[in-house]
N, C-alpha and C. Protein backbone atom coordinates (compact mmCIF):
# COMPACT_ATOMS: atom_id res chain seq x y z
N MET A 1 0.81 -1.20 0.00
CA MET A 1 0.00 0.00 0.00
C MET A 1 0.85 1.26 0.00
N SER A 2 2.15 1.11 0.15
CA SER A 2 2.99 2.29 0.31
C SER A 2 4.17 2.26 -0.65
N ALA A 3 4.19 3.20 -1.58
CA ALA A 3 5.30 3.31 -2.52
C ALA A 3 6.29 4.39 -2.11
N THR A 4 5.87 5.29 -1.22
CA THR A 4 6.75 6.38 -0.77
C THR A 4 6.73 6.44 0.75
N SER A 5 7.65 7.20 1.31
CA SER A 5 7.68 7.35 2.77
C SER A 5 6.42 8.07 3.27
N ARG A 6 5.89 9.00 2.47
CA ARG A 6 4.65 9.69 2.87
C ARG A 6 3.48 8.70 2.91
N GLU A 7 3.40 7.83 1.89
CA GLU A 7 2.34 6.83 1.87
C GLU A 7 2.48 5.87 3.05
N ALA A 8 3.71 5.51 3.39
CA ALA A 8 3.95 4.63 4.54
C ALA A 8 3.50 5.32 5.83
N ALA A 9 3.80 6.61 5.94
CA ALA A 9 3.38 7.36 7.13
C ALA A 9 1.86 7.45 7.22
N ILE A 10 1.21 7.66 6.08
CA ILE A 10 -0.26 7.73 6.07
C ILE A 10 -0.85 6.38 6.44
N THR A 11 -0.29 5.30 5.89
CA THR A 11 -0.78 3.96 6.21
C THR A 11 -0.62 3.67 7.70
N ALA A 12 0.52 4.00 8.27
CA ALA A 12 0.76 3.78 9.70
C ALA A 12 -0.20 4.63 10.54
N PHE A 13 -0.41 5.87 10.12
CA PHE A 13 -1.34 6.75 10.84
C PHE A 13 -2.76 6.16 10.80
N GLU A 14 -3.19 5.72 9.61
CA GLU A 14 -4.54 5.18 9.49
C GLU A 14 -4.72 3.93 10.35
N GLN A 15 -3.71 3.08 10.42
CA GLN A 15 -3.80 1.90 11.29
C GLN A 15 -3.92 2.33 12.75
N ALA A 16 -3.12 3.32 13.15
CA ALA A 16 -3.20 3.82 14.52
C ALA A 16 -4.57 4.44 14.79
N LEU A 17 -5.12 5.15 13.80
CA LEU A 17 -6.44 5.78 13.95
C LEU A 17 -7.52 4.71 14.11
N ILE A 18 -7.45 3.65 13.32
CA ILE A 18 -8.41 2.54 13.44
C ILE A 18 -8.33 1.93 14.84
N CYS A 19 -7.11 1.66 15.30
CA CYS A 19 -6.93 1.07 16.62
C CYS A 19 -7.42 2.00 17.73
N ALA A 20 -7.14 3.29 17.59
CA ALA A 20 -7.59 4.26 18.60
C ALA A 20 -9.11 4.35 18.62
N ALA A 21 -9.74 4.36 17.46
CA ALA A 21 -11.20 4.44 17.40
C ALA A 21 -11.82 3.21 18.06
N GLU A 22 -11.31 2.04 17.75
CA GLU A 22 -11.86 0.82 18.35
C GLU A 22 -11.64 0.79 19.86
N ALA A 23 -10.46 1.22 20.31
CA ALA A 23 -10.19 1.29 21.75
C ALA A 23 -11.13 2.27 22.42
N PHE A 24 -11.38 3.42 21.77
CA PHE A 24 -12.30 4.41 22.31
C PHE A 24 -13.70 3.83 22.47
N TYR A 25 -14.21 3.14 21.44
CA TYR A 25 -15.56 2.59 21.52
C TYR A 25 -15.65 1.47 22.56
N ARG A 26 -14.59 0.66 22.72
CA ARG A 26 -14.58 -0.36 23.79
C ARG A 26 -14.62 0.31 25.15
N PHE A 27 -13.82 1.38 25.31
CA PHE A 27 -13.78 2.12 26.57
C PHE A 27 -15.15 2.72 26.87
N ALA A 28 -15.78 3.34 25.86
CA ALA A 28 -17.09 3.95 26.05
C ALA A 28 -18.11 2.90 26.48
N SER A 29 -18.08 1.74 25.86
CA SER A 29 -19.00 0.67 26.23
C SER A 29 -18.73 0.20 27.66
N SER A 30 -17.47 0.07 28.02
CA SER A 30 -17.11 -0.36 29.37
C SER A 30 -17.61 0.62 30.42
N LEU A 31 -17.59 1.91 30.09
CA LEU A 31 -18.05 2.92 31.03
C LEU A 31 -19.52 2.74 31.39
N LEU A 32 -20.31 2.22 30.46
CA LEU A 32 -21.73 2.00 30.74
C LEU A 32 -21.96 0.81 31.67
N GLY A 33 -20.94 -0.01 31.84
CA GLY A 33 -21.00 -1.13 32.78
C GLY A 33 -22.18 -2.04 32.57
N PRO A 34 -22.90 -2.36 33.66
CA PRO A 34 -24.03 -3.31 33.56
C PRO A 34 -25.11 -2.86 32.57
N ALA A 35 -25.32 -1.57 32.44
CA ALA A 35 -26.34 -1.09 31.49
C ALA A 35 -25.97 -1.53 30.08
N ALA A 36 -24.70 -1.50 29.75
CA ALA A 36 -24.26 -1.94 28.41
C ALA A 36 -24.41 -3.44 28.26
N ARG A 37 -23.93 -4.17 29.25
CA ARG A 37 -23.99 -5.63 29.17
C ARG A 37 -25.44 -6.13 29.14
N ASP A 38 -26.26 -5.59 30.02
CA ASP A 38 -27.64 -6.06 30.13
C ASP A 38 -28.49 -5.70 28.93
N ASN A 39 -28.11 -4.65 28.20
CA ASN A 39 -28.92 -4.16 27.08
C ASN A 39 -28.21 -4.25 25.74
N ASN A 40 -27.07 -4.97 25.72
CA ASN A 40 -26.31 -5.14 24.48
C ASN A 40 -25.96 -3.80 23.83
N LEU A 41 -25.55 -2.83 24.66
CA LEU A 41 -25.19 -1.51 24.15
C LEU A 41 -23.70 -1.48 23.79
N THR A 42 -23.42 -0.86 22.68
CA THR A 42 -22.04 -0.75 22.19
C THR A 42 -21.46 0.62 22.56
N GLY A 43 -20.19 0.79 22.27
CA GLY A 43 -19.56 2.10 22.45
C GLY A 43 -20.24 3.16 21.60
N GLN A 44 -20.66 2.79 20.40
CA GLN A 44 -21.37 3.75 19.53
C GLN A 44 -22.67 4.19 20.18
N ASP A 45 -23.38 3.25 20.82
CA ASP A 45 -24.62 3.60 21.52
C ASP A 45 -24.32 4.57 22.67
N CYS A 46 -23.23 4.31 23.38
CA CYS A 46 -22.82 5.18 24.48
C CYS A 46 -22.54 6.59 23.98
N VAL A 47 -21.90 6.69 22.82
CA VAL A 47 -21.59 8.01 22.25
C VAL A 47 -22.88 8.76 21.92
N ILE A 48 -23.87 8.06 21.38
CA ILE A 48 -25.17 8.69 21.08
C ILE A 48 -25.80 9.18 22.38
N LEU A 49 -25.76 8.36 23.43
CA LEU A 49 -26.30 8.78 24.73
C LEU A 49 -25.60 10.04 25.21
N GLN A 50 -24.28 10.07 25.10
CA GLN A 50 -23.54 11.24 25.57
C GLN A 50 -23.87 12.49 24.74
N GLN A 51 -24.12 12.31 23.45
CA GLN A 51 -24.53 13.45 22.62
C GLN A 51 -25.85 14.01 23.14
N LEU A 52 -26.77 13.14 23.52
CA LEU A 52 -28.05 13.61 24.06
C LEU A 52 -27.86 14.33 25.38
N VAL A 53 -26.97 13.82 26.23
CA VAL A 53 -26.70 14.46 27.52
C VAL A 53 -26.10 15.84 27.30
N VAL A 54 -25.09 15.92 26.44
CA VAL A 54 -24.39 17.19 26.19
C VAL A 54 -25.34 18.22 25.57
N ALA A 55 -26.25 17.76 24.71
CA ALA A 55 -27.17 18.67 24.03
C ALA A 55 -28.03 19.42 25.03
N GLY A 56 -28.48 18.74 26.06
CA GLY A 56 -29.28 19.41 27.07
C GLY A 56 -30.74 19.65 26.66
N SER A 57 -31.06 19.38 25.43
CA SER A 57 -32.43 19.51 24.94
C SER A 57 -32.63 18.46 23.85
N PRO A 58 -33.89 18.15 23.51
CA PRO A 58 -34.13 17.10 22.50
C PRO A 58 -33.40 17.37 21.19
N ARG A 59 -32.90 16.29 20.59
CA ARG A 59 -32.18 16.38 19.32
C ARG A 59 -32.77 15.40 18.32
N LYS A 60 -32.83 15.84 17.07
CA LYS A 60 -33.29 15.00 15.98
C LYS A 60 -32.12 14.16 15.48
N VAL A 61 -32.44 13.11 14.74
CA VAL A 61 -31.40 12.24 14.19
C VAL A 61 -30.42 13.05 13.35
N GLY A 62 -30.92 13.98 12.54
CA GLY A 62 -30.04 14.81 11.71
C GLY A 62 -29.05 15.61 12.53
N ASP A 63 -29.48 16.09 13.71
CA ASP A 63 -28.57 16.83 14.60
C ASP A 63 -27.45 15.91 15.09
N LEU A 64 -27.82 14.70 15.47
CA LEU A 64 -26.83 13.74 15.96
C LEU A 64 -25.85 13.36 14.85
N LEU A 65 -26.36 13.21 13.64
CA LEU A 65 -25.49 12.88 12.50
C LEU A 65 -24.49 14.00 12.25
N ARG A 66 -24.96 15.23 12.23
CA ARG A 66 -24.06 16.36 11.96
C ARG A 66 -23.01 16.50 13.06
N PHE A 67 -23.43 16.37 14.31
CA PHE A 67 -22.52 16.54 15.44
C PHE A 67 -21.35 15.56 15.38
N ALA A 68 -21.65 14.32 14.96
CA ALA A 68 -20.61 13.28 14.94
C ALA A 68 -20.03 13.07 13.55
N ASN A 69 -20.41 13.90 12.57
CA ASN A 69 -19.91 13.77 11.20
C ASN A 69 -20.20 12.39 10.64
N ARG A 70 -21.42 11.92 10.87
CA ARG A 70 -21.83 10.60 10.40
C ARG A 70 -22.84 10.75 9.28
N ASP A 71 -23.01 9.69 8.50
CA ASP A 71 -24.03 9.71 7.46
C ASP A 71 -24.85 8.42 7.46
N ASP A 72 -24.76 7.67 8.54
CA ASP A 72 -25.45 6.39 8.64
C ASP A 72 -26.68 6.50 9.55
N ALA A 73 -27.70 7.17 9.05
CA ALA A 73 -28.90 7.45 9.84
C ALA A 73 -29.52 6.17 10.41
N SER A 74 -29.53 5.10 9.63
CA SER A 74 -30.16 3.87 10.12
C SER A 74 -29.44 3.32 11.35
N ASN A 75 -28.12 3.44 11.40
CA ASN A 75 -27.37 2.96 12.57
C ASN A 75 -27.63 3.84 13.78
N VAL A 76 -27.73 5.15 13.58
CA VAL A 76 -28.04 6.06 14.69
C VAL A 76 -29.46 5.78 15.20
N GLN A 77 -30.40 5.56 14.30
CA GLN A 77 -31.76 5.23 14.71
C GLN A 77 -31.79 3.91 15.48
N TYR A 78 -31.00 2.94 15.06
CA TYR A 78 -30.91 1.67 15.77
C TYR A 78 -30.36 1.89 17.18
N SER A 79 -29.33 2.71 17.30
CA SER A 79 -28.78 3.02 18.63
C SER A 79 -29.84 3.69 19.50
N LEU A 80 -30.59 4.60 18.92
CA LEU A 80 -31.64 5.28 19.69
C LEU A 80 -32.71 4.30 20.16
N ARG A 81 -33.08 3.35 19.30
CA ARG A 81 -34.07 2.34 19.71
C ARG A 81 -33.53 1.50 20.87
N LYS A 82 -32.25 1.13 20.81
CA LYS A 82 -31.65 0.36 21.89
C LYS A 82 -31.60 1.17 23.18
N LEU A 83 -31.26 2.45 23.08
CA LEU A 83 -31.22 3.31 24.26
C LEU A 83 -32.61 3.48 24.86
N MET A 84 -33.63 3.59 24.00
CA MET A 84 -35.00 3.72 24.50
C MET A 84 -35.44 2.42 25.19
N LYS A 85 -35.13 1.29 24.58
CA LYS A 85 -35.48 0.00 25.17
C LYS A 85 -34.82 -0.17 26.54
N ALA A 86 -33.60 0.36 26.68
CA ALA A 86 -32.87 0.29 27.95
C ALA A 86 -33.37 1.32 28.96
N GLY A 87 -34.26 2.22 28.53
CA GLY A 87 -34.80 3.25 29.42
C GLY A 87 -33.87 4.43 29.62
N LEU A 88 -32.89 4.60 28.73
CA LEU A 88 -31.92 5.68 28.87
C LEU A 88 -32.25 6.90 28.01
N ALA A 89 -33.13 6.72 27.02
CA ALA A 89 -33.54 7.83 26.15
C ALA A 89 -35.02 7.66 25.83
N ARG A 90 -35.64 8.74 25.38
CA ARG A 90 -37.05 8.69 25.00
C ARG A 90 -37.28 9.59 23.80
N GLN A 91 -38.36 9.28 23.08
CA GLN A 91 -38.77 10.11 21.94
C GLN A 91 -39.55 11.30 22.44
N VAL A 92 -39.36 12.41 21.71
CA VAL A 92 -40.16 13.61 21.94
C VAL A 92 -40.79 13.92 20.59
N ARG A 93 -42.08 13.72 20.49
CA ARG A 93 -42.78 13.88 19.21
C ARG A 93 -42.88 15.34 18.82
N GLY A 94 -42.68 15.58 17.54
CA GLY A 94 -42.84 16.91 16.97
C GLY A 94 -44.14 16.99 16.21
N ALA A 95 -44.30 18.05 15.45
CA ALA A 95 -45.52 18.26 14.67
C ALA A 95 -45.63 17.24 13.54
N SER A 96 -44.50 16.72 13.08
CA SER A 96 -44.51 15.74 12.00
C SER A 96 -43.53 14.63 12.34
N LYS A 97 -43.53 13.57 11.53
CA LYS A 97 -42.58 12.47 11.76
C LYS A 97 -41.15 12.98 11.72
N ARG A 98 -40.89 13.93 10.83
CA ARG A 98 -39.53 14.50 10.75
C ARG A 98 -39.22 15.35 11.97
N GLY A 99 -40.25 15.70 12.73
CA GLY A 99 -40.05 16.52 13.91
C GLY A 99 -39.70 15.71 15.15
N THR A 100 -39.64 14.37 15.01
CA THR A 100 -39.32 13.53 16.16
C THR A 100 -37.90 13.80 16.63
N ALA A 101 -37.78 13.99 17.94
CA ALA A 101 -36.48 14.24 18.55
C ALA A 101 -36.32 13.26 19.72
N TYR A 102 -35.15 13.24 20.29
CA TYR A 102 -34.83 12.31 21.36
C TYR A 102 -34.13 13.07 22.47
N GLU A 103 -34.39 12.61 23.70
CA GLU A 103 -33.73 13.20 24.86
C GLU A 103 -33.38 12.11 25.85
N VAL A 104 -32.49 12.44 26.74
CA VAL A 104 -32.06 11.49 27.76
C VAL A 104 -33.13 11.43 28.85
N THR A 105 -33.32 10.24 29.43
CA THR A 105 -34.25 10.08 30.55
C THR A 105 -33.51 10.35 31.86
N ALA A 106 -34.24 10.34 32.96
CA ALA A 106 -33.60 10.50 34.27
C ALA A 106 -32.60 9.37 34.51
N GLU A 107 -32.97 8.15 34.11
CA GLU A 107 -32.06 7.01 34.26
C GLU A 107 -30.83 7.18 33.37
N GLY A 108 -31.04 7.68 32.16
CA GLY A 108 -29.92 7.96 31.26
C GLY A 108 -28.98 9.00 31.84
N ALA A 109 -29.55 10.02 32.48
CA ALA A 109 -28.72 11.06 33.12
C ALA A 109 -27.95 10.47 34.30
N ARG A 110 -28.60 9.58 35.06
CA ARG A 110 -27.93 8.96 36.21
C ARG A 110 -26.76 8.09 35.73
N ILE A 111 -27.00 7.29 34.71
CA ILE A 111 -25.94 6.44 34.14
C ILE A 111 -24.81 7.30 33.59
N SER A 112 -25.18 8.41 32.96
CA SER A 112 -24.17 9.30 32.38
C SER A 112 -23.32 9.96 33.45
N ALA A 113 -23.92 10.30 34.58
CA ALA A 113 -23.14 10.89 35.69
C ALA A 113 -22.11 9.87 36.20
N ARG A 114 -22.53 8.61 36.28
CA ARG A 114 -21.60 7.54 36.67
C ARG A 114 -20.50 7.41 35.63
N LEU A 115 -20.87 7.49 34.37
CA LEU A 115 -19.93 7.40 33.27
C LEU A 115 -18.87 8.50 33.37
N VAL A 116 -19.31 9.72 33.64
CA VAL A 116 -18.39 10.86 33.75
C VAL A 116 -17.41 10.65 34.91
N ALA A 117 -17.92 10.15 36.03
CA ALA A 117 -17.05 9.91 37.19
C ALA A 117 -16.01 8.84 36.88
N MET A 118 -16.43 7.77 36.21
CA MET A 118 -15.48 6.71 35.87
C MET A 118 -14.49 7.19 34.81
N ARG A 119 -14.96 7.97 33.86
CA ARG A 119 -14.05 8.52 32.83
C ARG A 119 -12.99 9.39 33.50
N ARG A 120 -13.43 10.18 34.47
CA ARG A 120 -12.50 11.03 35.20
C ARG A 120 -11.45 10.18 35.91
N GLU A 121 -11.90 9.10 36.53
CA GLU A 121 -10.99 8.24 37.29
C GLU A 121 -10.02 7.48 36.39
N TYR A 122 -10.52 6.92 35.29
CA TYR A 122 -9.70 6.03 34.47
C TYR A 122 -9.00 6.71 33.30
N LEU A 123 -9.49 7.84 32.85
CA LEU A 123 -8.91 8.47 31.67
C LEU A 123 -8.30 9.83 31.98
N THR A 124 -9.08 10.71 32.56
CA THR A 124 -8.60 12.06 32.79
C THR A 124 -7.37 12.08 33.68
N ALA A 125 -7.38 11.27 34.71
CA ALA A 125 -6.22 11.23 35.61
C ALA A 125 -4.98 10.72 34.87
N SER A 126 -5.15 9.71 34.03
CA SER A 126 -4.00 9.17 33.28
C SER A 126 -3.43 10.19 32.32
N VAL A 127 -4.28 10.91 31.62
CA VAL A 127 -3.81 11.94 30.68
C VAL A 127 -3.10 13.05 31.46
N GLY A 128 -3.59 13.35 32.65
CA GLY A 128 -2.96 14.39 33.47
C GLY A 128 -1.55 14.04 33.89
N GLU A 129 -1.23 12.76 33.91
CA GLU A 129 0.12 12.32 34.27
C GLU A 129 1.12 12.51 33.14
N LEU A 130 0.63 12.69 31.91
CA LEU A 130 1.52 12.93 30.78
C LEU A 130 2.10 14.34 30.86
N SER A 131 3.34 14.47 30.50
CA SER A 131 3.95 15.79 30.46
C SER A 131 3.25 16.62 29.38
N ASP A 132 2.75 17.79 29.74
CA ASP A 132 2.04 18.66 28.82
C ASP A 132 0.85 17.97 28.16
N GLY A 133 0.15 17.11 28.91
CA GLY A 133 -0.96 16.33 28.38
C GLY A 133 -2.04 17.18 27.74
N ASP A 134 -2.42 18.29 28.39
CA ASP A 134 -3.47 19.15 27.83
C ASP A 134 -3.05 19.76 26.50
N GLN A 135 -1.80 20.19 26.40
CA GLN A 135 -1.32 20.78 25.15
C GLN A 135 -1.27 19.74 24.04
N HIS A 136 -0.85 18.52 24.40
CA HIS A 136 -0.82 17.45 23.39
C HIS A 136 -2.23 17.14 22.89
N LEU A 137 -3.19 17.08 23.80
CA LEU A 137 -4.57 16.81 23.39
C LEU A 137 -5.11 17.93 22.50
N GLU A 138 -4.79 19.17 22.83
CA GLU A 138 -5.24 20.29 22.00
C GLU A 138 -4.64 20.21 20.60
N ALA A 139 -3.36 19.87 20.50
CA ALA A 139 -2.70 19.75 19.19
C ALA A 139 -3.30 18.57 18.41
N LEU A 140 -3.54 17.46 19.09
CA LEU A 140 -4.15 16.31 18.41
C LEU A 140 -5.57 16.64 17.94
N THR A 141 -6.30 17.36 18.75
CA THR A 141 -7.67 17.75 18.37
C THR A 141 -7.65 18.61 17.11
N ARG A 142 -6.74 19.57 17.05
CA ARG A 142 -6.62 20.41 15.85
C ARG A 142 -6.21 19.56 14.64
N ALA A 143 -5.25 18.67 14.83
CA ALA A 143 -4.78 17.84 13.71
C ALA A 143 -5.90 16.92 13.21
N LEU A 144 -6.64 16.32 14.13
CA LEU A 144 -7.73 15.44 13.71
C LEU A 144 -8.84 16.23 13.01
N GLY A 145 -9.07 17.46 13.44
CA GLY A 145 -10.05 18.31 12.75
C GLY A 145 -9.61 18.59 11.32
N LEU A 146 -8.35 18.90 11.14
CA LEU A 146 -7.82 19.13 9.79
C LEU A 146 -7.90 17.86 8.94
N LEU A 147 -7.52 16.74 9.52
CA LEU A 147 -7.56 15.48 8.78
C LEU A 147 -9.00 15.07 8.44
N THR A 148 -9.93 15.38 9.32
CA THR A 148 -11.34 15.11 9.02
C THR A 148 -11.74 15.85 7.75
N GLY A 149 -11.33 17.10 7.65
CA GLY A 149 -11.61 17.88 6.44
C GLY A 149 -10.96 17.28 5.20
N VAL A 150 -9.73 16.81 5.32
CA VAL A 150 -9.02 16.20 4.18
C VAL A 150 -9.75 14.93 3.74
N TYR A 151 -10.10 14.07 4.70
CA TYR A 151 -10.81 12.83 4.35
C TYR A 151 -12.19 13.14 3.75
N ASP A 152 -12.92 14.10 4.34
CA ASP A 152 -14.23 14.48 3.79
C ASP A 152 -14.09 15.01 2.38
N HIS A 153 -13.08 15.82 2.16
CA HIS A 153 -12.85 16.38 0.82
C HIS A 153 -12.57 15.25 -0.17
N GLY A 154 -11.72 14.32 0.21
CA GLY A 154 -11.43 13.17 -0.66
C GLY A 154 -12.68 12.36 -0.96
N SER A 155 -13.54 12.18 0.03
CA SER A 155 -14.80 11.45 -0.18
C SER A 155 -15.70 12.16 -1.18
N ARG A 156 -15.78 13.50 -1.06
CA ARG A 156 -16.59 14.27 -2.00
C ARG A 156 -16.04 14.17 -3.41
N LEU A 157 -14.71 14.25 -3.55
CA LEU A 157 -14.12 14.13 -4.88
C LEU A 157 -14.39 12.76 -5.50
N MET A 158 -14.26 11.71 -4.71
CA MET A 158 -14.52 10.37 -5.23
C MET A 158 -15.99 10.19 -5.56
N SER A 159 -16.86 10.78 -4.76
CA SER A 159 -18.31 10.69 -5.04
C SER A 159 -18.63 11.37 -6.36
N ALA A 160 -18.06 12.53 -6.61
CA ALA A 160 -18.30 13.23 -7.86
C ALA A 160 -17.73 12.44 -9.03
N GLN A 161 -16.58 11.82 -8.82
CA GLN A 161 -15.95 11.03 -9.88
C GLN A 161 -16.79 9.82 -10.25
N ARG A 162 -17.42 9.18 -9.26
CA ARG A 162 -18.26 8.02 -9.53
C ARG A 162 -19.43 8.39 -10.43
N HIS A 163 -19.94 9.61 -10.28
CA HIS A 163 -21.06 10.05 -11.12
C HIS A 163 -20.65 10.25 -12.55
N GLU A 164 -19.37 10.51 -12.76
CA GLU A 164 -18.86 10.74 -14.11
C GLU A 164 -18.56 9.43 -14.82
N ASP A 165 -18.34 8.35 -14.10
CA ASP A 165 -17.99 7.04 -14.70
C ASP A 165 -19.13 6.44 -15.46
């Protein structure tokens, strides 16, 4: 996959990114503890729950998709159904079907508070032990934001190219 040193660096970065994403989703699922195990909730489901908590008000599927830079509405809807079945989220009906939004329940808020405390214990403290940990995280956040734009741009170019074929 790599003919140049730049391509080798990109390949190595992408492998690290894949591993980091999977580790993040495993960690997120672990934070939900028994709620995840008992309700077959994944790290992706946990992330959707956290988006609802952070929002502070009902959010539509489109809002959740934009916030996480996702385009897989059916998977987000599936996560929402699982969260509702677990009693962690609920539907808030709008004037139309497209107006349906979702919010966290009291139980979802309670689970999320536990999640934040455990995240603080197991993650925040560890990052704090790194020399200049906050600065490194800020630099990584900026770099990942830039790379998100590069990958999105490449996806748009390939999408346009497919229409020309």
